[in-house]
């Protein structure tokens, strides 16, 4: 009689663990990450931001210098001084609420600061 009890106990435990494993597997997909999954077909994104920090093109620099009225390469202090001067002139509150000149001024200031500062 004890032999039947042991077999019954082993069968019950085996059924419980196997059934639980099968039930877990049938409920859905187990999502696993591997480091190679994010390879992006060999693309390297370590230097992704370099395109945004490169120096402006020569034409942009010339346009910015002309807008500011610089004949030679300006220093950082000259750019700041001239920017304040032009900001007073092109500010939307002074310039009939038209902000296109102020946006252009800010763009050209950014170009000059990236290049000469």
PDB file of N, CA and C in Angstrom:
ATOM      1  N   UNK A   1       0.803  -1.173   0.000  1.00  0.00           N
ATOM      2  CA  UNK A   1       0.000   0.000   0.000  1.00  0.00           C
ATOM      3  C   UNK A   1       0.866   1.265   0.000  1.00  0.00           C
ATOM      4  N   UNK A   2       1.972   1.242   0.720  1.00  0.00           N
ATOM      5  CA  UNK A   2       2.879   2.387   0.760  1.00  0.00           C
ATOM      6  C   UNK A   2       3.494   2.641  -0.607  1.00  0.00           C
ATOM      7  N   UNK A   3       3.714   1.572  -1.356  1.00  0.00           N
ATOM      8  CA  UNK A   3       4.299   1.686  -2.686  1.00  0.00           C
ATOM      9  C   UNK A   3       3.363   2.454  -3.620  1.00  0.00           C
ATOM     10  N   UNK A   4       2.087   2.180  -3.526  1.00  0.00           N
ATOM     11  CA  UNK A   4       1.099   2.864  -4.363  1.00  0.00           C
ATOM     12  C   UNK A   4       1.018   4.343  -3.967  1.00  0.00           C
ATOM     13  N   UNK A   5       1.121   4.632  -2.690  1.00  0.00           N
ATOM     14  CA  UNK A   5       1.102   6.019  -2.216  1.00  0.00           C
ATOM     15  C   UNK A   5       2.290   6.818  -2.730  1.00  0.00           C
ATOM     16  N   UNK A   6       3.481   6.187  -2.737  1.00  0.00           N
ATOM     17  CA  UNK A   6       4.686   6.862  -3.238  1.00  0.00           C
ATOM     18  C   UNK A   6       4.545   7.135  -4.729  1.00  0.00           C
ATOM     19  N   UNK A   7       4.073   6.141  -5.475  1.00  0.00           N
ATOM     20  CA  UNK A   7       3.894   6.313  -6.925  1.00  0.00           C
ATOM     21  C   UNK A   7       2.844   7.394  -7.193  1.00  0.00           C
ATOM     22  N   UNK A   8       1.780   7.379  -6.424  1.00  0.00           N
ATOM     23  CA  UNK A   8       0.741   8.390  -6.582  1.00  0.00           C
ATOM     24  C   UNK A   8       1.284   9.784  -6.268  1.00  0.00           C
ATOM     25  N   UNK A   9       2.086   9.915  -5.232  1.00  0.00           N
ATOM     26  CA  UNK A   9       2.697  11.192  -4.865  1.00  0.00           C
ATOM     27  C   UNK A   9       3.653  11.678  -5.950  1.00  0.00           C
ATOM     28  N   UNK A  10       4.506  10.789  -6.453  1.00  0.00           N
ATOM     29  CA  UNK A  10       5.454  11.151  -7.517  1.00  0.00           C
ATOM     30  C   UNK A  10       4.694  11.546  -8.784  1.00  0.00           C
ATOM     31  N   UNK A  11       3.659  10.805  -9.131  1.00  0.00           N
ATOM     32  CA  UNK A  11       2.870  11.122 -10.327  1.00  0.00           C
ATOM     33  C   UNK A  11       2.199  12.478 -10.186  1.00  0.00           C
ATOM     34  N   UNK A  12       1.664  12.749  -9.015  1.00  0.00           N
ATOM     35  CA  UNK A  12       0.997  14.030  -8.779  1.00  0.00           C
ATOM     36  C   UNK A  12       1.989  15.189  -8.882  1.00  0.00           C
ATOM     37  N   UNK A  13       3.143  15.052  -8.253  1.00  0.00           N
ATOM     38  CA  UNK A  13       4.166  16.106  -8.327  1.00  0.00           C
ATOM     39  C   UNK A  13       4.661  16.301  -9.760  1.00  0.00           C
ATOM     40  N   UNK A  14       4.896  15.210 -10.466  1.00  0.00           N
ATOM     41  CA  UNK A  14       5.347  15.280 -11.853  1.00  0.00           C
ATOM     42  C   UNK A  14       4.299  15.986 -12.719  1.00  0.00           C
ATOM     43  N   UNK A  15       3.035  15.579 -12.550  1.00  0.00           N
ATOM     44  CA  UNK A  15       1.952  16.190 -13.315  1.00  0.00           C
ATOM     45  C   UNK A  15       1.852  17.678 -12.999  1.00  0.00           C
ATOM     46  N   UNK A  16       1.946  18.031 -11.715  1.00  0.00           N
ATOM     47  CA  UNK A  16       1.835  19.423 -11.301  1.00  0.00           C
ATOM     48  C   UNK A  16       2.920  20.283 -11.943  1.00  0.00           C
ATOM     49  N   UNK A  17       4.185  19.846 -11.883  1.00  0.00           N
ATOM     50  CA  UNK A  17       5.281  20.635 -12.441  1.00  0.00           C
ATOM     51  C   UNK A  17       5.240  20.682 -13.964  1.00  0.00           C
ATOM     52  N   UNK A  18       4.952  19.562 -14.604  1.00  0.00           N
ATOM     53  CA  UNK A  18       4.881  19.535 -16.066  1.00  0.00           C
ATOM     54  C   UNK A  18       3.695  20.360 -16.549  1.00  0.00           C
ATOM     55  N   UNK A  19       2.543  20.198 -15.909  1.00  0.00           N
ATOM     56  CA  UNK A  19       1.359  20.951 -16.298  1.00  0.00           C
ATOM     57  C   UNK A  19       1.585  22.453 -16.125  1.00  0.00           C
ATOM     58  N   UNK A  20       2.211  22.835 -15.019  1.00  0.00           N
ATOM     59  CA  UNK A  20       2.487  24.251 -14.761  1.00  0.00           C
ATOM     60  C   UNK A  20       3.425  24.818 -15.827  1.00  0.00           C
ATOM     61  N   UNK A  21       4.448  24.061 -16.201  1.00  0.00           N
ATOM     62  CA  UNK A  21       5.398  24.490 -17.228  1.00  0.00           C
ATOM     63  C   UNK A  21       4.698  24.624 -18.582  1.00  0.00           C
ATOM     64  N   UNK A  22       3.875  23.637 -18.942  1.00  0.00           N
ATOM     65  CA  UNK A  22       3.153  23.691 -20.213  1.00  0.00           C
ATOM     66  C   UNK A  22       2.156  24.846 -20.246  1.00  0.00           C
ATOM     67  N   UNK A  23       1.499  25.088 -19.131  1.00  0.00           N
ATOM     68  CA  UNK A  23       0.540  26.184 -19.056  1.00  0.00           C
ATOM     69  C   UNK A  23       1.240  27.529 -19.234  1.00  0.00           C
ATOM     70  N   UNK A  24       2.393  27.694 -18.610  1.00  0.00           N
ATOM     71  CA  UNK A  24       3.157  28.933 -18.724  1.00  0.00           C
ATOM     72  C   UNK A  24       3.632  29.148 -20.163  1.00  0.00           C
ATOM     73  N   UNK A  25       4.058  28.078 -20.824  1.00  0.00           N
ATOM     74  CA  UNK A  25       4.541  28.186 -22.203  1.00  0.00           C
ATOM     75  C   UNK A  25       3.402  28.516 -23.164  1.00  0.00           C
ATOM     76  N   UNK A  26       2.203  28.052 -22.885  1.00  0.00           N
ATOM     77  CA  UNK A  26       1.087  28.272 -23.800  1.00  0.00           C
ATOM     78  C   UNK A  26       0.451  29.645 -23.626  1.00  0.00           C
ATOM     79  N   UNK A  27       0.779  30.357 -22.566  1.00  0.00           N
ATOM     80  CA  UNK A  27       0.150  31.648 -22.310  1.00  0.00           C
ATOM     81  C   UNK A  27       0.724  32.769 -23.161  1.00  0.00           C
ATOM     82  N   UNK A  28       1.827  32.593 -23.764  1.00  0.00           N
ATOM     83  CA  UNK A  28       2.367  33.663 -24.588  1.00  0.00           C
ATOM     84  C   UNK A  28       3.840  33.502 -24.833  1.00  0.00           C
ATOM     85  N   UNK A  29       4.376  34.503 -25.463  1.00  0.00           N
ATOM     86  CA  UNK A  29       5.774  34.498 -25.856  1.00  0.00           C
ATOM     87  C   UNK A  29       6.615  35.118 -24.756  1.00  0.00           C
ATOM     88  N   UNK A  30       7.708  34.502 -24.445  1.00  0.00           N
ATOM     89  CA  UNK A  30       8.644  35.065 -23.479  1.00  0.00           C
ATOM     90  C   UNK A  30       9.619  35.946 -24.244  1.00  0.00           C
ATOM     91  N   UNK A  31       9.599  37.237 -23.954  1.00  0.00           N
ATOM     92  CA  UNK A  31      10.398  38.212 -24.685  1.00  0.00           C
ATOM     93  C   UNK A  31      11.796  38.293 -24.089  1.00  0.00           C
ATOM     94  N   UNK A  32      12.802  38.067 -24.916  1.00  0.00           N
ATOM     95  CA  UNK A  32      14.186  38.120 -24.455  1.00  0.00           C
ATOM     96  C   UNK A  32      14.983  39.043 -25.359  1.00  0.00           C
ATOM     97  N   UNK A  33      15.851  39.850 -24.748  1.00  0.00           N
ATOM     98  CA  UNK A  33      16.747  40.729 -25.487  1.00  0.00           C
ATOM     99  C   UNK A  33      18.125  40.109 -25.572  1.00  0.00           C
ATOM    100  N   UNK A  34      18.763  40.328 -26.696  1.00  0.00           N
ATOM    101  CA  UNK A  34      20.171  39.993 -26.855  1.00  0.00           C
ATOM    102  C   UNK A  34      20.861  41.267 -27.307  1.00  0.00           C
ATOM    103  N   UNK A  35      22.115  41.407 -26.986  1.00  0.00           N
ATOM    104  CA  UNK A  35      22.822  42.633 -27.333  1.00  0.00           C
ATOM    105  C   UNK A  35      22.857  42.858 -28.842  1.00  0.00           C
ATOM    106  N   UNK A  36      22.950  41.804 -29.608  1.00  0.00           N
ATOM    107  CA  UNK A  36      23.003  41.938 -31.058  1.00  0.00           C
ATOM    108  C   UNK A  36      21.686  42.333 -31.691  1.00  0.00           C
ATOM    109  N   UNK A  37      20.582  42.275 -30.938  1.00  0.00           N
ATOM    110  CA  UNK A  37      19.279  42.633 -31.488  1.00  0.00           C
ATOM    111  C   UNK A  37      19.194  44.110 -31.859  1.00  0.00           C
ATOM    112  N   UNK A  38      19.994  44.944 -31.244  1.00  0.00           N
ATOM    113  CA  UNK A  38      19.938  46.378 -31.485  1.00  0.00           C
ATOM    114  C   UNK A  38      21.056  46.846 -32.403  1.00  0.00           C
ATOM    115  N   UNK A  39      21.508  46.000 -33.260  1.00  0.00           N
ATOM    116  CA  UNK A  39      22.624  46.304 -34.138  1.00  0.00           C
ATOM    117  C   UNK A  39      22.231  47.248 -35.258  1.00  0.00           C
ATOM    118  N   UNK A  40      20.993  47.265 -35.677  1.00  0.00           N
ATOM    119  CA  UNK A  40      20.496  48.117 -36.760  1.00  0.00           C
ATOM    120  C   UNK A  40      21.256  47.863 -38.048  1.00  0.00           C
ATOM    121  N   UNK A  41      21.435  46.606 -38.371  1.00  0.00           N
ATOM    122  CA  UNK A  41      22.093  46.187 -39.615  1.00  0.00           C
ATOM    123  C   UNK A  41      23.488  46.783 -39.772  1.00  0.00           C
ATOM    124  N   UNK A  42      24.221  46.840 -38.724  1.00  0.00           N
ATOM    125  CA  UNK A  42      25.604  47.299 -38.784  1.00  0.00           C
ATOM    126  C   UNK A  42      25.771  48.798 -38.622  1.00  0.00           C
ATOM    127  N   UNK A  43      24.683  49.544 -38.509  1.00  0.00           N
ATOM    128  CA  UNK A  43      24.794  50.994 -38.349  1.00  0.00           C
ATOM    129  C   UNK A  43      25.344  51.305 -36.965  1.00  0.00           C
ATOM    130  N   UNK A  44      26.199  52.286 -36.913  1.00  0.00           N
ATOM    131  CA  UNK A  44      26.805  52.682 -35.653  1.00  0.00           C
ATOM    132  C   UNK A  44      26.237  54.037 -35.257  1.00  0.00           C
ATOM    133  N   UNK A  45      25.534  54.092 -34.141  1.00  0.00           N
ATOM    134  CA  UNK A  45      24.927  55.334 -33.702  1.00  0.00           C
ATOM    135  C   UNK A  45      25.734  56.009 -32.598  1.00  0.00           C
ATOM    136  N   UNK A  46      26.983  55.610 -32.406  1.00  0.00           N
ATOM    137  CA  UNK A  46      27.803  56.241 -31.373  1.00  0.00           C
ATOM    138  C   UNK A  46      28.086  57.696 -31.704  1.00  0.00           C
ATOM    139  N   UNK A  47      28.199  58.028 -32.982  1.00  0.00           N
ATOM    140  CA  UNK A  47      28.492  59.398 -33.399  1.00  0.00           C
ATOM    141  C   UNK A  47      27.278  60.028 -34.061  1.00  0.00           C
ATOM    142  N   UNK A  48      26.095  59.703 -33.580  1.00  0.00           N
ATOM    143  CA  UNK A  48      24.849  60.168 -34.188  1.00  0.00           C
ATOM    144  C   UNK A  48      24.744  61.688 -34.174  1.00  0.00           C
ATOM    145  N   UNK A  49      25.203  62.319 -33.135  1.00  0.00           N
ATOM    146  CA  UNK A  49      25.013  63.753 -32.950  1.00  0.00           C
ATOM    147  C   UNK A  49      26.036  64.606 -33.691  1.00  0.00           C
ATOM    148  N   UNK A  50      27.007  64.019 -34.362  1.00  0.00           N
ATOM    149  CA  UNK A  50      28.057  64.815 -34.996  1.00  0.00           C
ATOM    150  C   UNK A  50      27.537  65.690 -36.117  1.00  0.00           C
ATOM    151  N   UNK A  51      26.491  65.263 -36.817  1.00  0.00           N
ATOM    152  CA  UNK A  51      25.964  66.084 -37.905  1.00  0.00           C
ATOM    153  C   UNK A  51      25.362  67.383 -37.398  1.00  0.00           C
ATOM    154  N   UNK A  52      24.893  67.396 -36.164  1.00  0.00           N
ATOM    155  CA  UNK A  52      24.245  68.577 -35.636  1.00  0.00           C
ATOM    156  C   UNK A  52      25.234  69.566 -35.026  1.00  0.00           C
ATOM    157  N   UNK A  53      26.438  69.134 -34.759  1.00  0.00           N
ATOM    158  CA  UNK A  53      27.405  70.020 -34.128  1.00  0.00           C
ATOM    159  C   UNK A  53      28.514  70.450 -35.073  1.00  0.00           C
ATOM    160  N   UNK A  54      28.418  70.078 -36.336  1.00  0.00           N
ATOM    161  CA  UNK A  54      29.447  70.470 -37.286  1.00  0.00           C
ATOM    162  C   UNK A  54      29.357  71.970 -37.557  1.00  0.00           C
ATOM    163  N   UNK A  55      30.475  72.547 -37.939  1.00  0.00           N
ATOM    164  CA  UNK A  55      30.528  73.974 -38.229  1.00  0.00           C
ATOM    165  C   UNK A  55      29.665  74.291 -39.451  1.00  0.00           C
ATOM    166  N   UNK A  56      29.077  75.474 -39.487  1.00  0.00           N
ATOM    167  CA  UNK A  56      28.237  75.862 -40.617  1.00  0.00           C
ATOM    168  C   UNK A  56      29.043  75.987 -41.911  1.00  0.00           C
ATOM    169  N   UNK A  57      28.341  75.937 -43.022  1.00  0.00           N
ATOM    170  CA  UNK A  57      28.973  76.056 -44.331  1.00  0.00           C
ATOM    171  C   UNK A  57      29.473  77.485 -44.540  1.00  0.00           C
ATOM    172  N   UNK A  58      30.373  77.646 -45.492  1.00  0.00           N
ATOM    173  CA  UNK A  58      30.992  78.945 -45.766  1.00  0.00           C
ATOM    174  C   UNK A  58      29.952  79.996 -46.168  1.00  0.00           C
ATOM    175  N   UNK A  59      28.960  79.604 -46.967  1.00  0.00           N
ATOM    176  CA  UNK A  59      27.925  80.560 -47.389  1.00  0.00           C
ATOM    177  C   UNK A  59      27.132  81.081 -46.195  1.00  0.00           C
ATOM    178  N   UNK A  60      26.840  80.196 -45.248  1.00  0.00           N
ATOM    179  CA  UNK A  60      26.104  80.610 -44.055  1.00  0.00           C
ATOM    180  C   UNK A  60      26.914  81.619 -43.245  1.00  0.00           C
ATOM    181  N   UNK A  61      28.204  81.378 -43.151  1.00  0.00           N
ATOM    182  CA  UNK A  61      29.075  82.284 -42.389  1.00  0.00           C
ATOM    183  C   UNK A  61      29.114  83.651 -43.055  1.00  0.00           C
ATOM    184  N   UNK A  62      29.224  83.659 -44.379  1.00  0.00           N
ATOM    185  CA  UNK A  62      29.265  84.929 -45.122  1.00  0.00           C
ATOM    186  C   UNK A  62      27.954  85.694 -44.945  1.00  0.00           C
ATOM    187  N   UNK A  63      26.821  85.004 -45.039  1.00  0.00           N
ATOM    188  CA  UNK A  63      25.520  85.656 -44.844  1.00  0.00           C
ATOM    189  C   UNK A  63      25.404  86.235 -43.436  1.00  0.00           C
ATOM    190  N   UNK A  64      25.874  85.480 -42.453  1.00  0.00           N
ATOM    191  CA  UNK A  64      25.794  85.940 -41.067  1.00  0.00           C
ATOM    192  C   UNK A  64      26.682  87.162 -40.847  1.00  0.00           C
ATOM    193  N   UNK A  65      27.894  87.131 -41.409  1.00  0.00           N
ATOM    194  CA  UNK A  65      28.793  88.285 -41.267  1.00  0.00           C
ATOM    195  C   UNK A  65      28.207  89.512 -41.958  1.00  0.00           C
ATOM    196  N   UNK A  66      27.594  89.321 -43.127  1.00  0.00           N
ATOM    197  CA  UNK A  66      26.968  90.443 -43.832  1.00  0.00           C
ATOM    198  C   UNK A  66      25.779  90.990 -43.045  1.00  0.00           C
ATOM    199  N   UNK A  67      24.987  90.111 -42.465  1.00  0.00           N
ATOM    200  CA  UNK A  67      23.827  90.538 -41.684  1.00  0.00           C
ATOM    201  C   UNK A  67      24.262  91.373 -40.482  1.00  0.00           C
ATOM    202  N   UNK A  68      25.338  90.954 -39.837  1.00  0.00           N
ATOM    203  CA  UNK A  68      25.852  91.674 -38.673  1.00  0.00           C
ATOM    204  C   UNK A  68      26.687  92.888 -39.064  1.00  0.00           C
ATOM    205  N   UNK A  69      27.147  92.932 -40.315  1.00  0.00           N
ATOM    206  CA  UNK A  69      27.954  94.052 -40.774  1.00  0.00           C
ATOM    207  C   UNK A  69      29.430  93.904 -40.473  1.00  0.00           C
ATOM    208  N   UNK A  70      29.914  92.692 -40.334  1.00  0.00           N
ATOM    209  CA  UNK A  70      31.330  92.451 -40.068  1.00  0.00           C
ATOM    210  C   UNK A  70      32.076  92.281 -41.387  1.00  0.00           C
ATOM    211  N   UNK A  71      33.204  92.993 -41.521  1.00  0.00           N
ATOM    212  CA  UNK A  71      34.055  92.819 -42.698  1.00  0.00           C
ATOM    213  C   UNK A  71      35.102  91.736 -42.425  1.00  0.00           C
ATOM    214  N   UNK A  72      35.597  91.696 -41.197  1.00  0.00           N
ATOM    215  CA  UNK A  72      36.612  90.706 -40.804  1.00  0.00           C
ATOM    216  C   UNK A  72      35.992  89.683 -39.856  1.00  0.00           C
ATOM    217  N   UNK A  73      36.791  88.696 -39.480  1.00  0.00           N
ATOM    218  CA  UNK A  73      36.324  87.684 -38.536  1.00  0.00           C
ATOM    219  C   UNK A  73      36.138  88.320 -37.157  1.00  0.00           C
ATOM    220  N   UNK A  74      34.930  88.240 -36.600  1.00  0.00           N
ATOM    221  CA  UNK A  74      34.660  88.890 -35.313  1.00  0.00           C
ATOM    222  C   UNK A  74      35.072  88.020 -34.130  1.00  0.00           C
ATOM    223  N   UNK A  75      35.270  88.676 -32.999  1.00  0.00           N
ATOM    224  CA  UNK A  75      35.530  87.942 -31.756  1.00  0.00           C
ATOM    225  C   UNK A  75      34.189  87.668 -31.064  1.00  0.00           C
ATOM    226  N   UNK A  76      34.244  86.877 -30.030  1.00  0.00           N
ATOM    227  CA  UNK A  76      33.030  86.533 -29.286  1.00  0.00           C
ATOM    228  C   UNK A  76      32.389  87.787 -28.685  1.00  0.00           C
ATOM    229  N   UNK A  77      33.211  88.669 -28.146  1.00  0.00           N
ATOM    230  CA  UNK A  77      32.691  89.895 -27.540  1.00  0.00           C
ATOM    231  C   UNK A  77      32.071  90.823 -28.580  1.00  0.00           C
ATOM    232  N   UNK A  78      32.689  90.894 -29.768  1.00  0.00           N
ATOM    233  CA  UNK A  78      32.132  91.729 -30.837  1.00  0.00           C
ATOM    234  C   UNK A  78      30.772  91.194 -31.293  1.00  0.00           C
ATOM    235  N   UNK A  79      30.658  89.876 -31.367  1.00  0.00           N
ATOM    236  CA  UNK A  79      29.382  89.269 -31.767  1.00  0.00           C
ATOM    237  C   UNK A  79      28.303  89.602 -30.736  1.00  0.00           C
ATOM    238  N   UNK A  80      28.640  89.456 -29.456  1.00  0.00           N
ATOM    239  CA  UNK A  80      27.670  89.741 -28.399  1.00  0.00           C
ATOM    240  C   UNK A  80      27.240  91.208 -28.412  1.00  0.00           C
ATOM    241  N   UNK A  81      28.204  92.099 -28.577  1.00  0.00           N
ATOM    242  CA  UNK A  81      27.912  93.532 -28.574  1.00  0.00           C
ATOM    243  C   UNK A  81      27.008  93.900 -29.748  1.00  0.00           C
ATOM    244  N   UNK A  82      27.353  93.417 -30.921  1.00  0.00           N
ATOM    245  CA  UNK A  82      26.569  93.725 -32.121  1.00  0.00           C
ATOM    246  C   UNK A  82      25.189  93.068 -32.040  1.00  0.00           C
ATOM    247  N   UNK A  83      25.112  91.885 -31.441  1.00  0.00           N
ATOM    248  CA  UNK A  83      23.828  91.203 -31.280  1.00  0.00           C
ATOM    249  C   UNK A  83      22.885  92.040 -30.411  1.00  0.00           C
ATOM    250  N   UNK A  84      23.393  92.553 -29.301  1.00  0.00           N
ATOM    251  CA  UNK A  84      22.556  93.375 -28.422  1.00  0.00           C
ATOM    252  C   UNK A  84      22.067  94.623 -29.150  1.00  0.00           C
ATOM    253  N   UNK A  85      22.957  95.202 -29.935  1.00  0.00           N
ATOM    254  CA  UNK A  85      22.625  96.397 -30.706  1.00  0.00           C
ATOM    255  C   UNK A  85      21.510  96.095 -31.723  1.00  0.00           C
ATOM    256  N   UNK A  86      21.677  94.996 -32.454  1.00  0.00           N
ATOM    257  CA  UNK A  86      20.692  94.628 -33.471  1.00  0.00           C
ATOM    258  C   UNK A  86      19.399  94.093 -32.851  1.00  0.00           C
ATOM    259  N   UNK A  87      19.490  93.468 -31.685  1.00  0.00           N
ATOM    260  CA  UNK A  87      18.293  92.957 -31.016  1.00  0.00           C
ATOM    261  C   UNK A  87      17.374  94.105 -30.610  1.00  0.00           C
ATOM    262  N   UNK A  88      17.953  95.212 -30.198  1.00  0.00           N
ATOM    263  CA  UNK A  88      17.140  96.392 -29.863  1.00  0.00           C
ATOM    264  C   UNK A  88      16.424  96.917 -31.105  1.00  0.00           C
ATOM    265  N   UNK A  89      17.089  96.813 -32.242  1.00  0.00           N
ATOM    266  CA  UNK A  89      16.530  97.314 -33.499  1.00  0.00           C
ATOM    267  C   UNK A  89      15.469  96.364 -34.068  1.00  0.00           C
ATOM    268  N   UNK A  90      15.704  95.047 -33.988  1.00  0.00           N
ATOM    269  CA  UNK A  90      14.837  94.064 -34.639  1.00  0.00           C
ATOM    270  C   UNK A  90      13.855  93.366 -33.704  1.00  0.00           C
ATOM    271  N   UNK A  91      13.802  93.750 -32.447  1.00  0.00           N
ATOM    272  CA  UNK A  91      12.902  93.091 -31.501  1.00  0.00           C
ATOM    273  C   UNK A  91      11.446  93.276 -31.947  1.00  0.00           C
ATOM    274  N   UNK A  92      10.612  92.246 -31.826  1.00  0.00           N
ATOM    275  CA  UNK A  92       9.215  92.342 -32.295  1.00  0.00           C
ATOM    276  C   UNK A  92       8.399  93.453 -31.630  1.00  0.00           C
ATOM    277  N   UNK A  93       8.717  93.805 -30.399  1.00  0.00           N
ATOM    278  CA  UNK A  93       7.984  94.894 -29.742  1.00  0.00           C
ATOM    279  C   UNK A  93       8.282  96.237 -30.396  1.00  0.00           C
ATOM    280  N   UNK A  94       9.478  96.393 -30.923  1.00  0.00           N
ATOM    281  CA  UNK A  94       9.881  97.637 -31.578  1.00  0.00           C
ATOM    282  C   UNK A  94       9.529  97.600 -33.061  1.00  0.00           C
ATOM    283  N   UNK A  95       9.569  96.428 -33.638  1.00  0.00           N
ATOM    284  CA  UNK A  95       9.443  96.253 -35.084  1.00  0.00           C
ATOM    285  C   UNK A  95       8.026  95.813 -35.479  1.00  0.00           C
ATOM    286  N   UNK A  96       7.003  96.449 -34.961  1.00  0.00           N
ATOM    287  CA  UNK A  96       5.599  96.188 -35.309  1.00  0.00           C
ATOM    288  C   UNK A  96       5.217  94.714 -35.165  1.00  0.00           C
ATOM    289  N   UNK A  97       5.714  94.061 -34.161  1.00  0.00           N
ATOM    290  CA  UNK A  97       5.382  92.661 -33.848  1.00  0.00           C
ATOM    291  C   UNK A  97       5.759  91.680 -34.951  1.00  0.00           C
ATOM    292  N   UNK A  98       6.667  92.028 -35.801  1.00  0.00           N
ATOM    293  CA  UNK A  98       7.155  91.108 -36.831  1.00  0.00           C
ATOM    294  C   UNK A  98       8.427  90.459 -36.303  1.00  0.00           C
ATOM    295  N   UNK A  99       8.391  89.147 -36.123  1.00  0.00           N
ATOM    296  CA  UNK A  99       9.526  88.466 -35.500  1.00  0.00           C
ATOM    297  C   UNK A  99      10.460  87.792 -36.500  1.00  0.00           C
ATOM    298  N   UNK A 100      10.255  87.985 -37.794  1.00  0.00           N
ATOM    299  CA  UNK A 100      11.110  87.313 -38.780  1.00  0.00           C
ATOM    300  C   UNK A 100      12.545  87.814 -38.714  1.00  0.00           C
ATOM    301  N   UNK A 101      12.722  89.121 -38.535  1.00  0.00           N
ATOM    302  CA  UNK A 101      14.087  89.659 -38.449  1.00  0.00           C
ATOM    303  C   UNK A 101      14.784  89.189 -37.171  1.00  0.00           C
ATOM    304  N   UNK A 102      14.043  89.064 -36.098  1.00  0.00           N
ATOM    305  CA  UNK A 102      14.635  88.595 -34.840  1.00  0.00           C
ATOM    306  C   UNK A 102      15.033  87.129 -34.953  1.00  0.00           C
ATOM    307  N   UNK A 103      14.207  86.328 -35.621  1.00  0.00           N
ATOM    308  CA  UNK A 103      14.555  84.920 -35.833  1.00  0.00           C
ATOM    309  C   UNK A 103      15.804  84.805 -36.698  1.00  0.00           C
ATOM    310  N   UNK A 104      15.875  85.643 -37.717  1.00  0.00           N
ATOM    311  CA  UNK A 104      17.054  85.637 -38.589  1.00  0.00           C
ATOM    312  C   UNK A 104      18.294  86.080 -37.813  1.00  0.00           C
ATOM    313  N   UNK A 105      18.136  87.088 -36.977  1.00  0.00           N
ATOM    314  CA  UNK A 105      19.247  87.559 -36.146  1.00  0.00           C
ATOM    315  C   UNK A 105      19.744  86.444 -35.222  1.00  0.00           C
ATOM    316  N   UNK A 106      18.830  85.732 -34.589  1.00  0.00           N
ATOM    317  CA  UNK A 106      19.222  84.634 -33.693  1.00  0.00           C
ATOM    318  C   UNK A 106      19.931  83.519 -34.451  1.00  0.00           C
ATOM    319  N   UNK A 107      19.442  83.210 -35.642  1.00  0.00           N
ATOM    320  CA  UNK A 107      20.089  82.172 -36.450  1.00  0.00           C
ATOM    321  C   UNK A 107      21.515  82.587 -36.816  1.00  0.00           C
ATOM    322  N   UNK A 108      21.670  83.815 -37.285  1.00  0.00           N
ATOM    323  CA  UNK A 108      23.004  84.278 -37.685  1.00  0.00           C
ATOM    324  C   UNK A 108      23.947  84.388 -36.487  1.00  0.00           C
ATOM    325  N   UNK A 109      23.408  84.754 -35.327  1.00  0.00           N
ATOM    326  CA  UNK A 109      24.242  84.791 -34.115  1.00  0.00           C
ATOM    327  C   UNK A 109      24.742  83.389 -33.781  1.00  0.00           C
ATOM    328  N   UNK A 110      23.862  82.389 -33.884  1.00  0.00           N
ATOM    329  CA  UNK A 110      24.269  81.006 -33.614  1.00  0.00           C
ATOM    330  C   UNK A 110      25.357  80.554 -34.577  1.00  0.00           C
ATOM    331  N   UNK A 111      25.226  80.920 -35.850  1.00  0.00           N
ATOM    332  CA  UNK A 111      26.234  80.555 -36.851  1.00  0.00           C
ATOM    333  C   UNK A 111      27.574  81.179 -36.502  1.00  0.00           C
ATOM    334  N   UNK A 112      27.564  82.458 -36.169  1.00  0.00           N
ATOM    335  CA  UNK A 112      28.821  83.149 -35.845  1.00  0.00           C
ATOM    336  C   UNK A 112      29.436  82.618 -34.548  1.00  0.00           C
ATOM    337  N   UNK A 113      28.611  82.329 -33.559  1.00  0.00           N
ATOM    338  CA  UNK A 113      29.145  81.820 -32.294  1.00  0.00           C
ATOM    339  C   UNK A 113      29.749  80.427 -32.475  1.00  0.00           C
ATOM    340  N   UNK A 114      29.136  79.591 -33.309  1.00  0.00           N
ATOM    341  CA  UNK A 114      29.708  78.267 -33.564  1.00  0.00           C
ATOM    342  C   UNK A 114      31.034  78.376 -34.298  1.00  0.00           C
ATOM    343  N   UNK A 115      31.145  79.378 -35.146  1.00  0.00           N
ATOM    344  CA  UNK A 115      32.331  79.498 -35.987  1.00  0.00           C
ATOM    345  C   UNK A 115      33.474  80.230 -35.297  1.00  0.00           C
ATOM    346  N   UNK A 116      33.175  81.334 -34.636  1.00  0.00           N
ATOM    347  CA  UNK A 116      34.248  82.201 -34.143  1.00  0.00           C
ATOM    348  C   UNK A 116      34.410  82.219 -32.628  1.00  0.00           C
ATOM    349  N   UNK A 117      33.492  81.662 -31.883  1.00  0.00           N
ATOM    350  CA  UNK A 117      33.613  81.724 -30.420  1.00  0.00           C
ATOM    351  C   UNK A 117      34.293  80.490 -29.864  1.00  0.00           C
TER     352      UNK A 117
END
